[in-house]
PDB file of N, CA and C in Angstrom:
ATOM      1  N   MET A   1       0.782  -1.101   0.007  1.00  0.00           N
ATOM      2  CA  MET A   1      -0.070   0.031   0.047  1.00  0.00           C
ATOM      3  C   MET A   1       0.859   1.276   0.024  1.00  0.00           C
ATOM      4  N   VAL A   2       2.149   1.336   0.148  1.00  0.00           N
ATOM      5  CA  VAL A   2       2.963   2.254   0.485  1.00  0.00           C
ATOM      6  C   VAL A   2       3.164   3.024  -0.828  1.00  0.00           C
ATOM      7  N   GLY A   3       3.308   2.120  -1.969  1.00  0.00           N
ATOM      8  CA  GLY A   3       3.367   2.674  -3.241  1.00  0.00           C
ATOM      9  C   GLY A   3       2.354   3.166  -4.165  1.00  0.00           C
ATOM     10  N   LEU A   4       1.114   2.996  -3.495  1.00  0.00           N
ATOM     11  CA  LEU A   4      -0.196   2.951  -4.163  1.00  0.00           C
ATOM     12  C   LEU A   4      -0.323   4.440  -4.584  1.00  0.00           C
ATOM     13  N   PRO A   5       0.012   5.514  -3.923  1.00  0.00           N
ATOM     14  CA  PRO A   5      -0.187   6.880  -4.633  1.00  0.00           C
ATOM     15  C   PRO A   5       0.761   7.100  -5.692  1.00  0.00           C
ATOM     16  N   ALA A   6       1.710   6.483  -5.743  1.00  0.00           N
ATOM     17  CA  ALA A   6       2.602   6.796  -7.049  1.00  0.00           C
ATOM     18  C   ALA A   6       2.097   5.976  -8.262  1.00  0.00           C
ATOM     19  N   LEU A   7       1.239   5.039  -8.221  1.00  0.00           N
ATOM     20  CA  LEU A   7       0.764   4.448  -9.379  1.00  0.00           C
ATOM     21  C   LEU A   7       0.266   5.412 -10.480  1.00  0.00           C
ATOM     22  N   PRO A   8      -0.298   6.257 -10.351  1.00  0.00           N
ATOM     23  CA  PRO A   8      -0.727   7.101 -11.476  1.00  0.00           C
ATOM     24  C   PRO A   8       0.351   7.781 -12.041  1.00  0.00           C
ATOM     25  N   SER A   9       1.387   8.055 -11.416  1.00  0.00           N
ATOM     26  CA  SER A   9       2.606   8.566 -11.920  1.00  0.00           C
ATOM     27  C   SER A   9       3.197   7.679 -12.929  1.00  0.00           C
ATOM     28  N   GLY A  10       3.235   6.351 -12.515  1.00  0.00           N
ATOM     29  CA  GLY A  10       3.942   5.359 -13.377  1.00  0.00           C
ATOM     30  C   GLY A  10       2.911   5.163 -14.521  1.00  0.00           C
ATOM     31  N   VAL A  11       1.898   5.217 -14.477  1.00  0.00           N
ATOM     32  CA  VAL A  11       0.983   5.067 -15.619  1.00  0.00           C
ATOM     33  C   VAL A  11       1.038   6.226 -16.570  1.00  0.00           C
ATOM     34  N   ALA A  12       1.490   7.447 -15.984  1.00  0.00           N
ATOM     35  CA  ALA A  12       1.609   8.483 -16.927  1.00  0.00           C
ATOM     36  C   ALA A  12       2.953   8.579 -17.762  1.00  0.00           C
ATOM     37  N   LEU A  13       3.645   7.301 -17.549  1.00  0.00           N
ATOM     38  CA  LEU A  13       4.663   6.887 -18.590  1.00  0.00           C
ATOM     39  C   LEU A  13       4.110   6.687 -19.978  1.00  0.00           C
ATOM     40  N   VAL A  14       2.820   6.772 -20.148  1.00  0.00           N
ATOM     41  CA  VAL A  14       2.406   6.443 -21.556  1.00  0.00           C
ATOM     42  C   VAL A  14       2.382   7.748 -22.310  1.00  0.00           C
ATOM     43  N   GLY A  15       2.687   8.927 -21.640  1.00  0.00           N
ATOM     44  CA  GLY A  15       2.997  10.187 -22.336  1.00  0.00           C
ATOM     45  C   GLY A  15       3.846  10.126 -23.605  1.00  0.00           C
ATOM     46  N   PRO A  16       5.134   9.634 -23.408  1.00  0.00           N
ATOM     47  CA  PRO A  16       6.001   9.749 -24.633  1.00  0.00           C
ATOM     48  C   PRO A  16       5.557   9.024 -25.759  1.00  0.00           C
ATOM     49  N   PHE A  17       4.430   7.993 -25.608  1.00  0.00           N
ATOM     50  CA  PHE A  17       3.925   7.465 -26.734  1.00  0.00           C
ATOM     51  C   PHE A  17       3.079   8.229 -27.734  1.00  0.00           C
ATOM     52  N   GLN A  18       2.404   9.363 -27.030  1.00  0.00           N
ATOM     53  CA  GLN A  18       1.759  10.327 -27.580  1.00  0.00           C
ATOM     54  C   GLN A  18       2.634  10.998 -28.662  1.00  0.00           C
ATOM     55  N   PHE A  19       3.888  10.957 -28.773  1.00  0.00           N
ATOM     56  CA  PHE A  19       4.764  11.711 -29.770  1.00  0.00           C
ATOM     57  C   PHE A  19       5.093  10.872 -31.019  1.00  0.00           C
ATOM     58  N   LEU A  20       4.698   9.673 -30.868  1.00  0.00           N
ATOM     59  CA  LEU A  20       4.853   8.673 -32.194  1.00  0.00           C
ATOM     60  C   LEU A  20       3.966   9.053 -33.326  1.00  0.00           C
ATOM     61  N   LEU A  21       4.630   9.288 -34.373  1.00  0.00           N
ATOM     62  CA  LEU A  21       3.866   9.752 -35.622  1.00  0.00           C
ATOM     63  C   LEU A  21       2.754   8.717 -36.093  1.00  0.00           C
ATOM     64  N   ALA A  22       3.269   7.371 -35.872  1.00  0.00           N
ATOM     65  CA  ALA A  22       2.298   6.285 -36.290  1.00  0.00           C
ATOM     66  C   ALA A  22       1.067   6.242 -35.549  1.00  0.00           C
ATOM     67  N   ILE A  23       1.168   6.505 -34.380  1.00  0.00           N
ATOM     68  CA  ILE A  23      -0.091   6.473 -33.248  1.00  0.00           C
ATOM     69  C   ILE A  23      -0.964   7.732 -33.703  1.00  0.00           C
ATOM     70  N   ARG A  24      -0.427   8.762 -33.697  1.00  0.00           N
ATOM     71  CA  ARG A  24      -1.015  10.141 -33.875  1.00  0.00           C
ATOM     72  C   ARG A  24      -1.865  10.067 -35.251  1.00  0.00           C
ATOM     73  N   ASN A  25      -1.097   9.801 -36.230  1.00  0.00           N
ATOM     74  CA  ASN A  25      -1.825   9.901 -37.480  1.00  0.00           C
ATOM     75  C   ASN A  25      -2.705   8.715 -37.905  1.00  0.00           C
ATOM     76  N   ARG A  26      -2.078   7.522 -37.672  1.00  0.00           N
ATOM     77  CA  ARG A  26      -2.923   6.236 -38.031  1.00  0.00           C
ATOM     78  C   ARG A  26      -4.111   6.226 -37.157  1.00  0.00           C
ATOM     79  N   TRP A  27      -3.929   6.260 -35.832  1.00  0.00           N
ATOM     80  CA  TRP A  27      -5.137   5.995 -34.930  1.00  0.00           C
ATOM     81  C   TRP A  27      -5.462   7.201 -34.076  1.00  0.00           C
ATOM     82  N   PRO A  28      -5.979   8.374 -34.663  1.00  0.00           N
ATOM     83  CA  PRO A  28      -6.154   9.491 -33.758  1.00  0.00           C
ATOM     84  C   PRO A  28      -7.037   9.204 -32.638  1.00  0.00           C
ATOM     85  N   LYS A  29      -7.869   8.316 -32.760  1.00  0.00           N
ATOM     86  CA  LYS A  29      -8.929   8.155 -31.584  1.00  0.00           C
ATOM     87  C   LYS A  29      -7.988   7.508 -30.339  1.00  0.00           C
ATOM     88  N   ALA A  30      -6.938   6.685 -30.720  1.00  0.00           N
ATOM     89  CA  ALA A  30      -6.203   6.160 -29.569  1.00  0.00           C
ATOM     90  C   ALA A  30      -5.333   7.175 -29.093  1.00  0.00           C
ATOM     91  N   HIS A  31      -4.741   8.143 -30.092  1.00  0.00           N
ATOM     92  CA  HIS A  31      -4.017   9.436 -29.319  1.00  0.00           C
ATOM     93  C   HIS A  31      -4.732  10.173 -28.497  1.00  0.00           C
ATOM     94  N   ARG A  32      -6.069  10.381 -28.687  1.00  0.00           N
ATOM     95  CA  ARG A  32      -7.057  10.916 -27.709  1.00  0.00           C
ATOM     96  C   ARG A  32      -7.293  10.397 -26.476  1.00  0.00           C
ATOM     97  N   HIS A  33      -7.358   9.124 -26.687  1.00  0.00           N
ATOM     98  CA  HIS A  33      -7.826   8.431 -25.243  1.00  0.00           C
ATOM     99  C   HIS A  33      -6.386   8.392 -24.552  1.00  0.00           C
ATOM    100  N   LEU A  34      -5.334   7.946 -25.052  1.00  0.00           N
ATOM    101  CA  LEU A  34      -4.041   8.031 -24.366  1.00  0.00           C
ATOM    102  C   LEU A  34      -3.821   9.272 -23.755  1.00  0.00           C
ATOM    103  N   GLY A  35      -4.184  10.410 -24.488  1.00  0.00           N
ATOM    104  CA  GLY A  35      -3.882  11.695 -23.914  1.00  0.00           C
ATOM    105  C   GLY A  35      -4.636  12.000 -22.735  1.00  0.00           C
ATOM    106  N   ARG A  36      -6.048  11.483 -22.690  1.00  0.00           N
ATOM    107  CA  ARG A  36      -7.204  11.685 -21.563  1.00  0.00           C
ATOM    108  C   ARG A  36      -6.433  10.669 -20.297  1.00  0.00           C
ATOM    109  N   LEU A  37      -5.977   9.500 -20.792  1.00  0.00           N
ATOM    110  CA  LEU A  37      -5.430   8.831 -19.666  1.00  0.00           C
ATOM    111  C   LEU A  37      -4.411   9.465 -18.957  1.00  0.00           C
ATOM    112  N   TYR A  38      -3.380  10.022 -19.939  1.00  0.00           N
ATOM    113  CA  TYR A  38      -2.384  10.659 -19.421  1.00  0.00           C
ATOM    114  C   TYR A  38      -2.591  11.816 -18.555  1.00  0.00           C
ATOM    115  N   LEU A  39      -3.655  12.735 -18.967  1.00  0.00           N
ATOM    116  CA  LEU A  39      -4.087  13.891 -18.010  1.00  0.00           C
ATOM    117  C   LEU A  39      -4.555  13.593 -16.591  1.00  0.00           C
ATOM    118  N   LEU A  40      -5.465  12.415 -16.796  1.00  0.00           N
ATOM    119  CA  LEU A  40      -5.956  11.908 -15.495  1.00  0.00           C
ATOM    120  C   LEU A  40      -4.920  11.386 -14.714  1.00  0.00           C
ATOM    121  N   CYS A  41      -3.952  10.700 -15.308  1.00  0.00           N
ATOM    122  CA  CYS A  41      -2.860  10.178 -14.364  1.00  0.00           C
ATOM    123  C   CYS A  41      -1.986  11.446 -13.782  1.00  0.00           C
ATOM    124  N   VAL A  42      -1.663  12.434 -14.535  1.00  0.00           N
ATOM    125  CA  VAL A  42      -0.963  13.551 -14.189  1.00  0.00           C
ATOM    126  C   VAL A  42      -1.596  14.159 -13.047  1.00  0.00           C
ATOM    127  N   LEU A  43      -3.212  14.311 -13.066  1.00  0.00           N
ATOM    128  CA  LEU A  43      -3.879  14.925 -12.025  1.00  0.00           C
ATOM    129  C   LEU A  43      -3.586  14.314 -10.793  1.00  0.00           C
ATOM    130  N   ALA A  44      -3.774  12.789 -10.764  1.00  0.00           N
ATOM    131  CA  ALA A  44      -3.818  11.956  -9.758  1.00  0.00           C
ATOM    132  C   ALA A  44      -2.404  12.024  -9.038  1.00  0.00           C
ATOM    133  N   GLY A  45      -1.442  11.660  -9.894  1.00  0.00           N
ATOM    134  CA  GLY A  45      -0.059  11.885  -9.512  1.00  0.00           C
ATOM    135  C   GLY A  45       0.297  13.021  -8.767  1.00  0.00           C
ATOM    136  N   SER A  46      -0.124  14.314  -9.328  1.00  0.00           N
ATOM    137  CA  SER A  46       0.025  15.359  -8.818  1.00  0.00           C
ATOM    138  C   SER A  46      -0.446  15.704  -7.434  1.00  0.00           C
ATOM    139  N   CYS A  47      -1.532  15.119  -7.113  1.00  0.00           N
ATOM    140  CA  CYS A  47      -2.182  15.134  -5.877  1.00  0.00           C
ATOM    141  C   CYS A  47      -1.132  14.269  -4.934  1.00  0.00           C
ATOM    142  N   ALA A  48      -1.019  13.019  -5.443  1.00  0.00           N
ATOM    143  CA  ALA A  48      -0.162  12.430  -4.621  1.00  0.00           C
ATOM    144  C   ALA A  48       1.266  13.027  -4.253  1.00  0.00           C
ATOM    145  N   ALA A  49       1.876  13.464  -5.277  1.00  0.00           N
ATOM    146  CA  ALA A  49       3.192  14.068  -5.058  1.00  0.00           C
ATOM    147  C   ALA A  49       3.098  15.320  -4.155  1.00  0.00           C
ATOM    148  N   ILE A  50       2.082  16.219  -4.219  1.00  0.00           N
ATOM    149  CA  ILE A  50       1.887  17.242  -3.607  1.00  0.00           C
ATOM    150  C   ILE A  50       1.972  16.874  -2.002  1.00  0.00           C
ATOM    151  N   SER A  51       1.014  15.853  -1.714  1.00  0.00           N
ATOM    152  CA  SER A  51       0.999  15.277  -0.401  1.00  0.00           C
ATOM    153  C   SER A  51       2.069  14.753   0.110  1.00  0.00           C
ATOM    154  N   ALA A  52       2.801  13.853  -0.726  1.00  0.00           N
ATOM    155  CA  ALA A  52       4.463  13.345  -0.345  1.00  0.00           C
ATOM    156  C   ALA A  52       5.157  14.470  -0.074  1.00  0.00           C
ATOM    157  N   THR A  53       5.083  15.541  -0.832  1.00  0.00           N
ATOM    158  CA  THR A  53       6.115  16.635  -0.744  1.00  0.00           C
ATOM    159  C   THR A  53       5.843  17.328   0.624  1.00  0.00           C
ATOM    160  N   VAL A  54       4.666  17.509   0.958  1.00  0.00           N
ATOM    161  CA  VAL A  54       4.586  18.208   2.272  1.00  0.00           C
ATOM    162  C   VAL A  54       4.803  17.405   3.642  1.00  0.00           C
ATOM    163  N   ILE A  55       4.549  16.144   3.507  1.00  0.00           N
ATOM    164  CA  ILE A  55       4.685  15.372   4.860  1.00  0.00           C
ATOM    165  C   ILE A  55       6.045  14.664   4.702  1.00  0.00           C
ATOM    166  N   ARG A  56       6.851  14.720   3.795  1.00  0.00           N
ATOM    167  CA  ARG A  56       8.106  14.198   3.863  1.00  0.00           C
ATOM    168  C   ARG A  56       9.106  15.254   4.367  1.00  0.00           C
ATOM    169  N   ALA A  57      10.113  14.721   5.198  1.00  0.00           N
ATOM    170  CA  ALA A  57      11.068  15.588   5.787  1.00  0.00           C
ATOM    171  C   ALA A  57      12.382  15.558   4.976  1.00  0.00           C
ATOM    172  N   ALA A  58      12.226  15.806   3.731  1.00  0.00           N
ATOM    173  CA  ALA A  58      13.418  15.679   2.702  1.00  0.00           C
ATOM    174  C   ALA A  58      14.169  16.889   2.895  1.00  0.00           C
ATOM    175  N   GLY A  59      13.831  18.133   3.413  1.00  0.00           N
ATOM    176  CA  GLY A  59      14.349  19.385   3.324  1.00  0.00           C
ATOM    177  C   GLY A  59      13.745  20.363   2.472  1.00  0.00           C
ATOM    178  N   VAL A  60      13.922  21.447   2.655  1.00  0.00           N
ATOM    179  CA  VAL A  60      13.297  22.573   2.061  1.00  0.00           C
ATOM    180  C   VAL A  60      13.523  22.611   0.621  1.00  0.00           C
ATOM    181  N   HIS A  61      14.837  22.242   0.251  1.00  0.00           N
ATOM    182  CA  HIS A  61      15.124  22.321  -1.188  1.00  0.00           C
ATOM    183  C   HIS A  61      14.346  21.218  -1.958  1.00  0.00           C
ATOM    184  N   ALA A  62      14.354  19.991  -1.537  1.00  0.00           N
ATOM    185  CA  ALA A  62      13.569  18.875  -2.075  1.00  0.00           C
ATOM    186  C   ALA A  62      12.134  19.387  -2.218  1.00  0.00           C
ATOM    187  N   GLN A  63      11.402  20.015  -1.137  1.00  0.00           N
ATOM    188  CA  GLN A  63      10.200  20.261  -1.175  1.00  0.00           C
ATOM    189  C   GLN A  63       9.824  21.260  -2.185  1.00  0.00           C
ATOM    190  N   VAL A  64      10.667  22.268  -2.268  1.00  0.00           N
ATOM    191  CA  VAL A  64      10.528  23.250  -3.259  1.00  0.00           C
ATOM    192  C   VAL A  64      10.771  22.696  -4.657  1.00  0.00           C
ATOM    193  N   GLY A  65      11.723  21.897  -4.743  1.00  0.00           N
ATOM    194  CA  GLY A  65      11.859  21.404  -6.305  1.00  0.00           C
ATOM    195  C   GLY A  65      10.880  20.445  -6.623  1.00  0.00           C
ATOM    196  N   PHE A  66      10.475  19.594  -5.761  1.00  0.00           N
ATOM    197  CA  PHE A  66       9.343  18.672  -6.145  1.00  0.00           C
ATOM    198  C   PHE A  66       8.004  19.437  -6.421  1.00  0.00           C
ATOM    199  N   GLY A  67       7.708  20.581  -5.658  1.00  0.00           N
ATOM    200  CA  GLY A  67       6.491  21.422  -5.686  1.00  0.00           C
ATOM    201  C   GLY A  67       6.685  22.056  -7.050  1.00  0.00           C
ATOM    202  N   LEU A  68       7.639  22.714  -7.481  1.00  0.00           N
ATOM    203  CA  LEU A  68       7.896  23.464  -8.829  1.00  0.00           C
ATOM    204  C   LEU A  68       7.622  22.294  -9.855  1.00  0.00           C
ATOM    205  N   LEU A  69       8.090  21.110  -9.684  1.00  0.00           N
ATOM    206  CA  LEU A  69       7.780  20.190 -10.767  1.00  0.00           C
ATOM    207  C   LEU A  69       6.415  19.729 -10.936  1.00  0.00           C
ATOM    208  N   VAL A  70       5.681  19.661  -9.773  1.00  0.00           N
ATOM    209  CA  VAL A  70       4.174  19.421  -9.891  1.00  0.00           C
ATOM    210  C   VAL A  70       3.553  20.531 -10.733  1.00  0.00           C
ATOM    211  N   VAL A  71       3.755  21.742  -9.987  1.00  0.00           N
ATOM    212  CA  VAL A  71       3.206  22.886 -10.713  1.00  0.00           C
ATOM    213  C   VAL A  71       3.488  22.890 -12.313  1.00  0.00           C
ATOM    214  N   CYS A  72       4.707  22.757 -12.791  1.00  0.00           N
ATOM    215  CA  CYS A  72       5.004  22.620 -14.095  1.00  0.00           C
ATOM    216  C   CYS A  72       4.247  21.461 -14.919  1.00  0.00           C
ATOM    217  N   TRP A  73       4.112  20.330 -14.350  1.00  0.00           N
ATOM    218  CA  TRP A  73       3.476  19.216 -14.852  1.00  0.00           C
ATOM    219  C   TRP A  73       2.165  19.604 -14.949  1.00  0.00           C
ATOM    220  N   LEU A  74       1.274  19.936 -13.968  1.00  0.00           N
ATOM    221  CA  LEU A  74       0.021  20.592 -14.268  1.00  0.00           C
ATOM    222  C   LEU A  74      -0.159  21.585 -15.331  1.00  0.00           C
ATOM    223  N   LEU A  75       0.509  22.518 -15.140  1.00  0.00           N
ATOM    224  CA  LEU A  75       0.380  23.768 -16.079  1.00  0.00           C
ATOM    225  C   LEU A  75       0.652  23.356 -17.588  1.00  0.00           C
ATOM    226  N   LEU A  76       1.555  22.619 -17.736  1.00  0.00           N
ATOM    227  CA  LEU A  76       1.846  22.153 -19.214  1.00  0.00           C
ATOM    228  C   LEU A  76       0.703  21.235 -19.726  1.00  0.00           C
ATOM    229  N   GLY A  77       0.236  20.145 -18.813  1.00  0.00           N
ATOM    230  CA  GLY A  77      -0.840  19.500 -19.083  1.00  0.00           C
ATOM    231  C   GLY A  77      -2.186  20.266 -19.475  1.00  0.00           C
ATOM    232  N   TRP A  78      -2.312  21.076 -18.724  1.00  0.00           N
ATOM    233  CA  TRP A  78      -3.525  22.173 -18.983  1.00  0.00           C
ATOM    234  C   TRP A  78      -3.368  22.907 -20.234  1.00  0.00           C
ATOM    235  N   GLN A  79      -2.312  23.449 -20.517  1.00  0.00           N
ATOM    236  CA  GLN A  79      -2.043  24.224 -21.533  1.00  0.00           C
ATOM    237  C   GLN A  79      -2.448  23.292 -22.924  1.00  0.00           C
ATOM    238  N   SER A  80      -1.666  22.090 -22.939  1.00  0.00           N
ATOM    239  CA  SER A  80      -1.759  21.258 -23.933  1.00  0.00           C
ATOM    240  C   SER A  80      -2.984  20.971 -24.251  1.00  0.00           C
ATOM    241  N   TYR A  81      -3.964  20.487 -23.316  1.00  0.00           N
ATOM    242  CA  TYR A  81      -5.272  20.055 -23.272  1.00  0.00           C
ATOM    243  C   TYR A  81      -6.020  21.254 -23.883  1.00  0.00           C
ATOM    244  N   ARG A  82      -5.937  22.412 -23.281  1.00  0.00           N
ATOM    245  CA  ARG A  82      -6.597  23.500 -23.888  1.00  0.00           C
ATOM    246  C   ARG A  82      -6.382  23.729 -25.284  1.00  0.00           C
ATOM    247  N   ALA A  83      -5.233  23.841 -25.858  1.00  0.00           N
ATOM    248  CA  ALA A  83      -4.838  24.163 -27.017  1.00  0.00           C
ATOM    249  C   ALA A  83      -5.530  22.868 -27.908  1.00  0.00           C
ATOM    250  N   ALA A  84      -5.569  21.497 -27.561  1.00  0.00           N
ATOM    251  CA  ALA A  84      -6.183  20.641 -28.436  1.00  0.00           C
ATOM    252  C   ALA A  84      -7.664  20.928 -28.479  1.00  0.00           C
ATOM    253  N   ARG A  85      -8.126  21.209 -27.261  1.00  0.00           N
ATOM    254  CA  ARG A  85      -9.681  21.749 -27.272  1.00  0.00           C
ATOM    255  C   ARG A  85     -10.052  22.854 -28.261  1.00  0.00           C
ATOM    256  N   GLN A  86      -9.228  23.641 -28.369  1.00  0.00           N
ATOM    257  CA  GLN A  86      -9.565  24.845 -29.178  1.00  0.00           C
ATOM    258  C   GLN A  86      -8.810  24.560 -30.704  1.00  0.00           C
ATOM    259  N   ARG A  87      -8.522  23.571 -30.985  1.00  0.00           N
ATOM    260  CA  ARG A  87      -8.105  23.012 -32.269  1.00  0.00           C
ATOM    261  C   ARG A  87      -6.950  23.818 -32.874  1.00  0.00           C
ATOM    262  N   ARG A  88      -5.804  24.221 -31.685  1.00  0.00           N
ATOM    263  CA  ARG A  88      -4.795  24.906 -32.105  1.00  0.00           C
ATOM    264  C   ARG A  88      -3.817  23.909 -31.995  1.00  0.00           C
ATOM    265  N   PHE A  89      -3.505  23.135 -32.933  1.00  0.00           N
ATOM    266  CA  PHE A  89      -2.926  21.865 -32.888  1.00  0.00           C
ATOM    267  C   PHE A  89      -1.184  22.108 -33.029  1.00  0.00           C
ATOM    268  N   ARG A  90      -0.963  23.076 -33.495  1.00  0.00           N
ATOM    269  CA  ARG A  90       0.410  23.456 -33.594  1.00  0.00           C
ATOM    270  C   ARG A  90       1.011  23.774 -32.005  1.00  0.00           C
ATOM    271  N   ASP A  91       0.122  24.662 -31.612  1.00  0.00           N
ATOM    272  CA  ASP A  91       0.508  24.988 -30.022  1.00  0.00           C
ATOM    273  C   ASP A  91       0.401  23.698 -29.219  1.00  0.00           C
ATOM    274  N   HIS A  92      -0.627  22.725 -29.580  1.00  0.00           N
ATOM    275  CA  HIS A  92      -0.807  21.381 -28.756  1.00  0.00           C
ATOM    276  C   HIS A  92       0.417  20.785 -28.943  1.00  0.00           C
ATOM    277  N   ARG A  93       1.204  20.662 -30.109  1.00  0.00           N
ATOM    278  CA  ARG A  93       2.328  19.720 -30.313  1.00  0.00           C
ATOM    279  C   ARG A  93       3.354  20.408 -29.524  1.00  0.00           C
ATOM    280  N   ILE A  94       3.576  21.676 -29.344  1.00  0.00           N
ATOM    281  CA  ILE A  94       4.764  22.393 -28.767  1.00  0.00           C
ATOM    282  C   ILE A  94       4.732  22.173 -27.464  1.00  0.00           C
ATOM    283  N   ARG A  95       3.540  21.998 -26.739  1.00  0.00           N
ATOM    284  CA  ARG A  95       3.643  21.780 -25.096  1.00  0.00           C
ATOM    285  C   ARG A  95       3.880  20.286 -24.917  1.00  0.00           C
TER     286      ARG A  95
END
């Protein structure tokens, strides 16, 4: 049970497969479903990471570093999702 909160972050490793042209071009529905799965895992993993960052006594530097990483993870995920929903695919690919 100790590693259970980290499970969504592990599933979020599906993210790099989103960059494969074969998946994106040949199976656009799969690309969308993988993207949604990725964003859900980022959200759940970020919640777990925030709680772990706050309660662990790893030092202030580690807490700030992991906190900033979580903020960047959420911000970039949100920007990419918003760009895709607005059909700005060039911006979506950059994020």
